[in-house]
């Protein structure tokens, strides 16, 4: 599915991207961020509870769900939208309930596939023209409505084939996107040491790494999210940082 936010930010669930259509600036989203934003936009008139988001965005896809992780992803999405020029607060927190899309934010949903519409011949009667257009557009509107209701399941079926890359480092098991090369994983770990702290792999841990990248005429912004889980206590800590490379 594709969404237009405030008529200038384009969100495509197929390639997991946010694009400012005025400047051409583009942000690549993680799979979890894509599912979360799609869920909120498809239910933009509703308040989504944390439990509902945990179930449909995290648990169904084998991701670890916690309040801290959800807050981190919401924070990253807000920051991404702001970096693309969004002035309004797009995602609103409803205290002790959950989250929703702000009521004053304009959202338009379009289908990925553009279906051609055949206009009736000019010599046909006006009443027949209206009837023909109704037969074309009414089924399309039903398809779009159903697609929105089941977008989470649609994303799930498309992402089933996606697996995580597993890398061992001492007693740490590092999980990352399969698109990450070994050198990119080493770069992420090196960047983490500079900005946050050096990983302690003397005890068994699972480390999850996600990266968001925005390319523009001014350079490249790389956003890293690390989730560090201690296996003995089943507790996780997440932290975020950004690295900028000038053009």
C-alpha atoms as a PDB file:
ATOM      1  CA  UNK A   1       0.000   0.000   0.000  1.00  0.00           C
ATOM      2  CA  UNK A   2       0.972   3.616  -0.511  1.00  0.00           C
ATOM      3  CA  UNK A   3       0.033   6.612   1.616  1.00  0.00           C
ATOM      4  CA  UNK A   4       0.297  10.372   1.106  1.00  0.00           C
ATOM      5  CA  UNK A   5       0.814  12.233   4.409  1.00  0.00           C
ATOM      6  CA  UNK A   6       0.005  15.958   4.371  1.00  0.00           C
ATOM      7  CA  UNK A   7       0.198  15.783   0.537  1.00  0.00           C
ATOM      8  CA  UNK A   8       4.004  15.813   0.420  1.00  0.00           C
ATOM      9  CA  UNK A   9       5.367  12.809   2.316  1.00  0.00           C
ATOM     10  CA  UNK A  10       5.011   9.522   0.441  1.00  0.00           C
ATOM     11  CA  UNK A  11       5.012   6.233   2.419  1.00  0.00           C
ATOM     12  CA  UNK A  12       5.328   2.943   0.517  1.00  0.00           C
ATOM     13  CA  UNK A  13       4.939  -0.304   2.455  1.00  0.00           C
ATOM     14  CA  UNK A  14       6.359  -2.325  -0.462  1.00  0.00           C
ATOM     15  CA  UNK A  15       9.857  -0.815  -0.358  1.00  0.00           C
ATOM     16  CA  UNK A  16       9.653   0.398   3.284  1.00  0.00           C
ATOM     17  CA  UNK A  17      10.429   4.036   2.530  1.00  0.00           C
ATOM     18  CA  UNK A  18       9.403   7.588   3.382  1.00  0.00           C
ATOM     19  CA  UNK A  19      10.004  10.221   0.674  1.00  0.00           C
ATOM     20  CA  UNK A  20       9.604  14.010   0.709  1.00  0.00           C
ATOM     21  CA  UNK A  21       8.145  14.543  -2.761  1.00  0.00           C
ATOM     22  CA  UNK A  22       9.168  18.216  -2.770  1.00  0.00           C
ATOM     23  CA  UNK A  23      12.878  17.742  -2.012  1.00  0.00           C
ATOM     24  CA  UNK A  24      13.417  14.118  -3.004  1.00  0.00           C
ATOM     25  CA  UNK A  25      14.867  13.254   0.425  1.00  0.00           C
ATOM     26  CA  UNK A  26      14.306   9.588   1.222  1.00  0.00           C
ATOM     27  CA  UNK A  27      14.358   7.494   4.405  1.00  0.00           C
ATOM     28  CA  UNK A  28      14.558   3.707   4.507  1.00  0.00           C
ATOM     29  CA  UNK A  29      12.552   2.138   7.343  1.00  0.00           C
ATOM     30  CA  UNK A  30      13.071  -1.101   9.213  1.00  0.00           C
ATOM     31  CA  UNK A  31      10.471  -3.854   8.814  1.00  0.00           C
ATOM     32  CA  UNK A  32       9.099  -3.236  12.305  1.00  0.00           C
ATOM     33  CA  UNK A  33       8.837   0.524  11.721  1.00  0.00           C
ATOM     34  CA  UNK A  34       7.053  -0.132   8.411  1.00  0.00           C
ATOM     35  CA  UNK A  35       4.486  -2.419  10.039  1.00  0.00           C
ATOM     36  CA  UNK A  36       3.946   0.031  12.909  1.00  0.00           C
ATOM     37  CA  UNK A  37       3.397   3.083  10.690  1.00  0.00           C
ATOM     38  CA  UNK A  38       1.141   1.123   8.312  1.00  0.00           C
ATOM     39  CA  UNK A  39      -0.955  -0.120  11.251  1.00  0.00           C
ATOM     40  CA  UNK A  40      -1.407   3.412  12.607  1.00  0.00           C
ATOM     41  CA  UNK A  41      -2.256   4.909   9.195  1.00  0.00           C
ATOM     42  CA  UNK A  42      -4.767   2.189   8.329  1.00  0.00           C
ATOM     43  CA  UNK A  43      -6.530   2.778  11.664  1.00  0.00           C
ATOM     44  CA  UNK A  44      -5.960   6.529  11.711  1.00  0.00           C
ATOM     45  CA  UNK A  45      -9.443   7.239  13.086  1.00  0.00           C
ATOM     46  CA  UNK A  46      -8.925   4.889  16.032  1.00  0.00           C
ATOM     47  CA  UNK A  47      -6.786   4.780  19.151  1.00  0.00           C
ATOM     48  CA  UNK A  48      -4.642   1.634  19.063  1.00  0.00           C
ATOM     49  CA  UNK A  49      -3.860   0.100  22.431  1.00  0.00           C
ATOM     50  CA  UNK A  50      -0.341  -1.033  23.263  1.00  0.00           C
ATOM     51  CA  UNK A  51      -1.511  -4.658  23.535  1.00  0.00           C
ATOM     52  CA  UNK A  52      -3.033  -4.520  20.055  1.00  0.00           C
ATOM     53  CA  UNK A  53       0.200  -3.100  18.619  1.00  0.00           C
ATOM     54  CA  UNK A  54       2.298  -5.707  20.458  1.00  0.00           C
ATOM     55  CA  UNK A  55       0.202  -8.498  18.945  1.00  0.00           C
ATOM     56  CA  UNK A  56      -0.060  -7.302  15.325  1.00  0.00           C
ATOM     57  CA  UNK A  57       3.311  -5.558  14.894  1.00  0.00           C
ATOM     58  CA  UNK A  58       5.722  -7.460  17.156  1.00  0.00           C
ATOM     59  CA  UNK A  59       4.474 -10.851  18.391  1.00  0.00           C
ATOM     60  CA  UNK A  60       3.128 -12.121  15.052  1.00  0.00           C
ATOM     61  CA  UNK A  61       6.552 -11.602  13.496  1.00  0.00           C
ATOM     62  CA  UNK A  62       8.652 -13.048  16.295  1.00  0.00           C
ATOM     63  CA  UNK A  63       9.894  -9.647  17.474  1.00  0.00           C
ATOM     64  CA  UNK A  64      10.354  -8.868  21.159  1.00  0.00           C
ATOM     65  CA  UNK A  65       7.543  -6.654  22.433  1.00  0.00           C
ATOM     66  CA  UNK A  66       7.969  -4.300  25.375  1.00  0.00           C
ATOM     67  CA  UNK A  67       6.904  -0.793  26.302  1.00  0.00           C
ATOM     68  CA  UNK A  68      10.459   0.494  25.940  1.00  0.00           C
ATOM     69  CA  UNK A  69      10.864  -0.993  22.446  1.00  0.00           C
ATOM     70  CA  UNK A  70       7.505   0.389  21.314  1.00  0.00           C
ATOM     71  CA  UNK A  71       8.337   3.838  22.678  1.00  0.00           C
ATOM     72  CA  UNK A  72      11.683   3.679  20.857  1.00  0.00           C
ATOM     73  CA  UNK A  73      10.045   2.857  17.510  1.00  0.00           C
ATOM     74  CA  UNK A  74       7.425   5.597  17.974  1.00  0.00           C
ATOM     75  CA  UNK A  75      10.214   8.069  18.757  1.00  0.00           C
ATOM     76  CA  UNK A  76      12.175   7.044  15.650  1.00  0.00           C
ATOM     77  CA  UNK A  77       9.105   7.404  13.395  1.00  0.00           C
ATOM     78  CA  UNK A  78       8.394  10.869  14.794  1.00  0.00           C
ATOM     79  CA  UNK A  79      12.017  11.861  14.226  1.00  0.00           C
ATOM     80  CA  UNK A  80      11.975  10.478  10.667  1.00  0.00           C
ATOM     81  CA  UNK A  81       8.850  12.451   9.764  1.00  0.00           C
ATOM     82  CA  UNK A  82      10.300  15.613  11.295  1.00  0.00           C
ATOM     83  CA  UNK A  83      13.526  15.209   9.308  1.00  0.00           C
ATOM     84  CA  UNK A  84      11.473  15.034   6.116  1.00  0.00           C
ATOM     85  CA  UNK A  85       9.800  18.359   6.909  1.00  0.00           C
ATOM     86  CA  UNK A  86       6.705  17.348   8.889  1.00  0.00           C
ATOM     87  CA  UNK A  87       5.832  20.191  11.266  1.00  0.00           C
ATOM     88  CA  UNK A  88       2.693  18.703  12.808  1.00  0.00           C
ATOM     89  CA  UNK A  89       2.862  15.972  15.434  1.00  0.00           C
ATOM     90  CA  UNK A  90       1.791  13.021  13.306  1.00  0.00           C
ATOM     91  CA  UNK A  91       1.660  10.321  16.001  1.00  0.00           C
ATOM     92  CA  UNK A  92      -0.148  11.250  19.209  1.00  0.00           C
ATOM     93  CA  UNK A  93       0.255   9.471  22.539  1.00  0.00           C
ATOM     94  CA  UNK A  94      -3.012   8.729  24.341  1.00  0.00           C
ATOM     95  CA  UNK A  95      -2.030   8.427  28.029  1.00  0.00           C
ATOM     96  CA  UNK A  96      -2.555   4.979  29.590  1.00  0.00           C
ATOM     97  CA  UNK A  97      -4.142   3.721  26.352  1.00  0.00           C
ATOM     98  CA  UNK A  98      -1.878   3.754  23.305  1.00  0.00           C
ATOM     99  CA  UNK A  99      -1.259   5.747  20.130  1.00  0.00           C
ATOM    100  CA  UNK A 100      -3.107   7.213  17.157  1.00  0.00           C
ATOM    101  CA  UNK A 101      -2.570   9.421  14.106  1.00  0.00           C
ATOM    102  CA  UNK A 102      -3.357  13.067  14.937  1.00  0.00           C
ATOM    103  CA  UNK A 103      -6.809  14.133  13.765  1.00  0.00           C
ATOM    104  CA  UNK A 104      -5.510  17.222  11.932  1.00  0.00           C
ATOM    105  CA  UNK A 105      -3.017  15.258   9.811  1.00  0.00           C
ATOM    106  CA  UNK A 106      -4.208  14.623   6.246  1.00  0.00           C
ATOM    107  CA  UNK A 107      -3.697  11.024   5.075  1.00  0.00           C
ATOM    108  CA  UNK A 108      -4.578   9.645   1.656  1.00  0.00           C
ATOM    109  CA  UNK A 109      -4.279   5.971   0.779  1.00  0.00           C
ATOM    110  CA  UNK A 110      -3.712   4.657  -2.750  1.00  0.00           C
ATOM    111  CA  UNK A 111      -3.256   1.173  -4.155  1.00  0.00           C
ATOM    112  CA  UNK A 112       0.174   0.076  -5.419  1.00  0.00           C
ATOM    113  CA  UNK A 113      -1.169  -1.110  -8.723  1.00  0.00           C
ATOM    114  CA  UNK A 114      -2.576   1.579 -10.963  1.00  0.00           C
ATOM    115  CA  UNK A 115      -5.516   0.072 -12.807  1.00  0.00           C
ATOM    116  CA  UNK A 116      -6.517   1.707 -16.125  1.00  0.00           C
ATOM    117  CA  UNK A 117     -10.038   3.064 -16.342  1.00  0.00           C
ATOM    118  CA  UNK A 118     -11.805   2.780 -19.690  1.00  0.00           C
ATOM    119  CA  UNK A 119     -14.180   5.678 -20.334  1.00  0.00           C
ATOM    120  CA  UNK A 120     -17.433   4.985 -22.191  1.00  0.00           C
ATOM    121  CA  UNK A 121     -17.762   6.109 -25.786  1.00  0.00           C
ATOM    122  CA  UNK A 122     -18.929   9.706 -26.226  1.00  0.00           C
ATOM    123  CA  UNK A 123     -22.024   8.812 -28.214  1.00  0.00           C
ATOM    124  CA  UNK A 124     -23.531   6.739 -25.391  1.00  0.00           C
ATOM    125  CA  UNK A 125     -26.241   8.219 -23.220  1.00  0.00           C
ATOM    126  CA  UNK A 126     -25.323  10.151 -20.075  1.00  0.00           C
ATOM    127  CA  UNK A 127     -27.185   7.730 -17.823  1.00  0.00           C
ATOM    128  CA  UNK A 128     -25.172   4.851 -19.238  1.00  0.00           C
ATOM    129  CA  UNK A 129     -21.925   6.761 -18.590  1.00  0.00           C
ATOM    130  CA  UNK A 130     -22.756   7.124 -14.916  1.00  0.00           C
ATOM    131  CA  UNK A 131     -23.708   3.470 -14.638  1.00  0.00           C
ATOM    132  CA  UNK A 132     -20.478   2.336 -16.348  1.00  0.00           C
ATOM    133  CA  UNK A 133     -18.314   4.483 -14.089  1.00  0.00           C
ATOM    134  CA  UNK A 134     -20.168   3.149 -11.057  1.00  0.00           C
ATOM    135  CA  UNK A 135     -19.467  -0.438 -12.151  1.00  0.00           C
ATOM    136  CA  UNK A 136     -15.764   0.404 -12.458  1.00  0.00           C
ATOM    137  CA  UNK A 137     -15.149   2.443  -9.339  1.00  0.00           C
ATOM    138  CA  UNK A 138     -17.403   0.687  -6.841  1.00  0.00           C
ATOM    139  CA  UNK A 139     -15.504  -2.643  -6.953  1.00  0.00           C
ATOM    140  CA  UNK A 140     -12.207  -0.741  -6.753  1.00  0.00           C
ATOM    141  CA  UNK A 141     -13.340   1.102  -3.636  1.00  0.00           C
ATOM    142  CA  UNK A 142     -14.328  -2.215  -2.029  1.00  0.00           C
ATOM    143  CA  UNK A 143     -10.907  -3.690  -2.884  1.00  0.00           C
ATOM    144  CA  UNK A 144      -9.106  -0.697  -1.365  1.00  0.00           C
ATOM    145  CA  UNK A 145     -11.203  -0.877   1.798  1.00  0.00           C
ATOM    146  CA  UNK A 146     -10.544  -4.596   2.275  1.00  0.00           C
ATOM    147  CA  UNK A 147      -6.846  -4.097   1.525  1.00  0.00           C
ATOM    148  CA  UNK A 148      -6.617  -1.518   4.299  1.00  0.00           C
ATOM    149  CA  UNK A 149      -8.315  -3.811   6.825  1.00  0.00           C
ATOM    150  CA  UNK A 150      -5.934  -6.653   6.092  1.00  0.00           C
ATOM    151  CA  UNK A 151      -2.711  -4.732   5.448  1.00  0.00           C
ATOM    152  CA  UNK A 152      -1.011  -6.273   8.473  1.00  0.00           C
ATOM    153  CA  UNK A 153      -1.713  -9.795   7.181  1.00  0.00           C
ATOM    154  CA  UNK A 154      -0.596  -8.747   3.709  1.00  0.00           C
ATOM    155  CA  UNK A 155       2.710  -7.496   5.070  1.00  0.00           C
ATOM    156  CA  UNK A 156       3.116 -10.685   7.071  1.00  0.00           C
ATOM    157  CA  UNK A 157       2.715 -12.935   4.011  1.00  0.00           C
ATOM    158  CA  UNK A 158       5.197 -10.882   2.023  1.00  0.00           C
ATOM    159  CA  UNK A 159       7.764 -10.860   4.827  1.00  0.00           C
ATOM    160  CA  UNK A 160       7.618 -14.533   5.755  1.00  0.00           C
ATOM    161  CA  UNK A 161      10.589 -15.235   3.521  1.00  0.00           C
ATOM    162  CA  UNK A 162      12.665 -12.541   5.244  1.00  0.00           C
ATOM    163  CA  UNK A 163      15.213 -13.969   7.682  1.00  0.00           C
ATOM    164  CA  UNK A 164      17.772 -12.471  10.009  1.00  0.00           C
ATOM    165  CA  UNK A 165      21.502 -12.820   9.561  1.00  0.00           C
ATOM    166  CA  UNK A 166      23.142 -14.512  12.552  1.00  0.00           C
ATOM    167  CA  UNK A 167      26.714 -13.631  13.538  1.00  0.00           C
ATOM    168  CA  UNK A 168      28.658 -14.999  16.524  1.00  0.00           C
ATOM    169  CA  UNK A 169      31.103 -12.863  18.507  1.00  0.00           C
ATOM    170  CA  UNK A 170      32.475 -14.496  21.672  1.00  0.00           C
ATOM    171  CA  UNK A 171      29.343 -15.221  23.762  1.00  0.00           C
ATOM    172  CA  UNK A 172      27.193 -12.725  21.825  1.00  0.00           C
ATOM    173  CA  UNK A 173      24.842 -13.724  19.033  1.00  0.00           C
ATOM    174  CA  UNK A 174      24.253 -10.768  16.719  1.00  0.00           C
ATOM    175  CA  UNK A 175      21.097 -10.618  14.598  1.00  0.00           C
ATOM    176  CA  UNK A 176      20.824  -8.208  11.674  1.00  0.00           C
ATOM    177  CA  UNK A 177      19.133  -7.856   8.304  1.00  0.00           C
ATOM    178  CA  UNK A 178      20.387 -10.293   5.666  1.00  0.00           C
ATOM    179  CA  UNK A 179      21.265  -7.240   3.567  1.00  0.00           C
ATOM    180  CA  UNK A 180      23.991  -6.356   6.092  1.00  0.00           C
ATOM    181  CA  UNK A 181      27.462  -7.376   4.921  1.00  0.00           C
ATOM    182  CA  UNK A 182      30.119  -8.434   7.423  1.00  0.00           C
ATOM    183  CA  UNK A 183      31.869  -5.088   6.993  1.00  0.00           C
ATOM    184  CA  UNK A 184      28.597  -3.212   7.658  1.00  0.00           C
ATOM    185  CA  UNK A 185      28.071  -5.165  10.885  1.00  0.00           C
ATOM    186  CA  UNK A 186      31.636  -4.323  11.947  1.00  0.00           C
ATOM    187  CA  UNK A 187      30.975  -0.667  11.056  1.00  0.00           C
ATOM    188  CA  UNK A 188      27.803  -0.674  13.192  1.00  0.00           C
ATOM    189  CA  UNK A 189      29.665  -2.179  16.156  1.00  0.00           C
ATOM    190  CA  UNK A 190      32.490   0.331  15.764  1.00  0.00           C
ATOM    191  CA  UNK A 191      30.005   3.221  15.567  1.00  0.00           C
ATOM    192  CA  UNK A 192      28.246   1.888  18.673  1.00  0.00           C
ATOM    193  CA  UNK A 193      31.555   1.889  20.585  1.00  0.00           C
ATOM    194  CA  UNK A 194      32.144   5.534  19.681  1.00  0.00           C
ATOM    195  CA  UNK A 195      28.665   6.791  20.514  1.00  0.00           C
ATOM    196  CA  UNK A 196      27.427   4.534  23.281  1.00  0.00           C
ATOM    197  CA  UNK A 197      29.479   1.785  24.835  1.00  0.00           C
ATOM    198  CA  UNK A 198      31.591  -1.201  23.862  1.00  0.00           C
ATOM    199  CA  UNK A 199      29.682  -4.466  23.847  1.00  0.00           C
ATOM    200  CA  UNK A 200      30.544  -6.862  26.662  1.00  0.00           C
ATOM    201  CA  UNK A 201      30.387 -10.344  25.170  1.00  0.00           C
ATOM    202  CA  UNK A 202      31.857 -12.178  28.149  1.00  0.00           C
ATOM    203  CA  UNK A 203      28.348 -13.399  29.062  1.00  0.00           C
ATOM    204  CA  UNK A 204      25.661 -14.858  26.748  1.00  0.00           C
ATOM    205  CA  UNK A 205      23.676 -12.130  24.997  1.00  0.00           C
ATOM    206  CA  UNK A 206      21.565 -11.563  21.911  1.00  0.00           C
ATOM    207  CA  UNK A 207      22.169  -8.308  20.025  1.00  0.00           C
ATOM    208  CA  UNK A 208      19.688  -6.983  17.466  1.00  0.00           C
ATOM    209  CA  UNK A 209      20.861  -4.272  15.063  1.00  0.00           C
ATOM    210  CA  UNK A 210      18.649  -2.163  12.804  1.00  0.00           C
ATOM    211  CA  UNK A 211      19.756   0.698  10.575  1.00  0.00           C
ATOM    212  CA  UNK A 212      17.807   3.521   8.936  1.00  0.00           C
ATOM    213  CA  UNK A 213      19.561   5.447   6.186  1.00  0.00           C
ATOM    214  CA  UNK A 214      18.637   8.785   4.612  1.00  0.00           C
ATOM    215  CA  UNK A 215      20.453  10.027   1.514  1.00  0.00           C
ATOM    216  CA  UNK A 216      20.286  13.679   0.463  1.00  0.00           C
ATOM    217  CA  UNK A 217      22.298  16.257  -1.425  1.00  0.00           C
ATOM    218  CA  UNK A 218      23.934  17.278   1.868  1.00  0.00           C
ATOM    219  CA  UNK A 219      25.202  13.804   2.684  1.00  0.00           C
ATOM    220  CA  UNK A 220      24.110  10.566   4.324  1.00  0.00           C
ATOM    221  CA  UNK A 221      22.452  10.156   7.735  1.00  0.00           C
ATOM    222  CA  UNK A 222      22.643   6.691   9.282  1.00  0.00           C
ATOM    223  CA  UNK A 223      20.418   5.921  12.279  1.00  0.00           C
ATOM    224  CA  UNK A 224      21.252   2.846  14.363  1.00  0.00           C
ATOM    225  CA  UNK A 225      19.019   1.013  16.840  1.00  0.00           C
ATOM    226  CA  UNK A 226      20.673  -1.560  19.118  1.00  0.00           C
ATOM    227  CA  UNK A 227      18.669  -3.954  21.309  1.00  0.00           C
ATOM    228  CA  UNK A 228      20.866  -5.822  23.802  1.00  0.00           C
ATOM    229  CA  UNK A 229      19.249  -8.820  25.546  1.00  0.00           C
ATOM    230  CA  UNK A 230      20.807 -10.655  28.498  1.00  0.00           C
ATOM    231  CA  UNK A 231      19.797 -14.314  28.161  1.00  0.00           C
ATOM    232  CA  UNK A 232      20.177 -15.197  31.845  1.00  0.00           C
ATOM    233  CA  UNK A 233      17.529 -12.681  32.933  1.00  0.00           C
ATOM    234  CA  UNK A 234      15.625 -12.299  29.652  1.00  0.00           C
ATOM    235  CA  UNK A 235      15.900  -8.512  29.958  1.00  0.00           C
ATOM    236  CA  UNK A 236      16.596  -6.150  27.068  1.00  0.00           C
ATOM    237  CA  UNK A 237      18.005  -2.646  26.796  1.00  0.00           C
ATOM    238  CA  UNK A 238      17.693  -0.552  23.630  1.00  0.00           C
ATOM    239  CA  UNK A 239      19.655   2.505  22.597  1.00  0.00           C
ATOM    240  CA  UNK A 240      19.752   4.738  19.520  1.00  0.00           C
ATOM    241  CA  UNK A 241      22.350   6.968  17.882  1.00  0.00           C
ATOM    242  CA  UNK A 242      23.016   8.718  14.570  1.00  0.00           C
ATOM    243  CA  UNK A 243      26.073   8.987  12.308  1.00  0.00           C
ATOM    244  CA  UNK A 244      26.321  11.683   9.614  1.00  0.00           C
ATOM    245  CA  UNK A 245      28.549  11.572   6.528  1.00  0.00           C
ATOM    246  CA  UNK A 246      28.849  14.827   4.590  1.00  0.00           C
ATOM    247  CA  UNK A 247      28.635  14.724   0.803  1.00  0.00           C
END
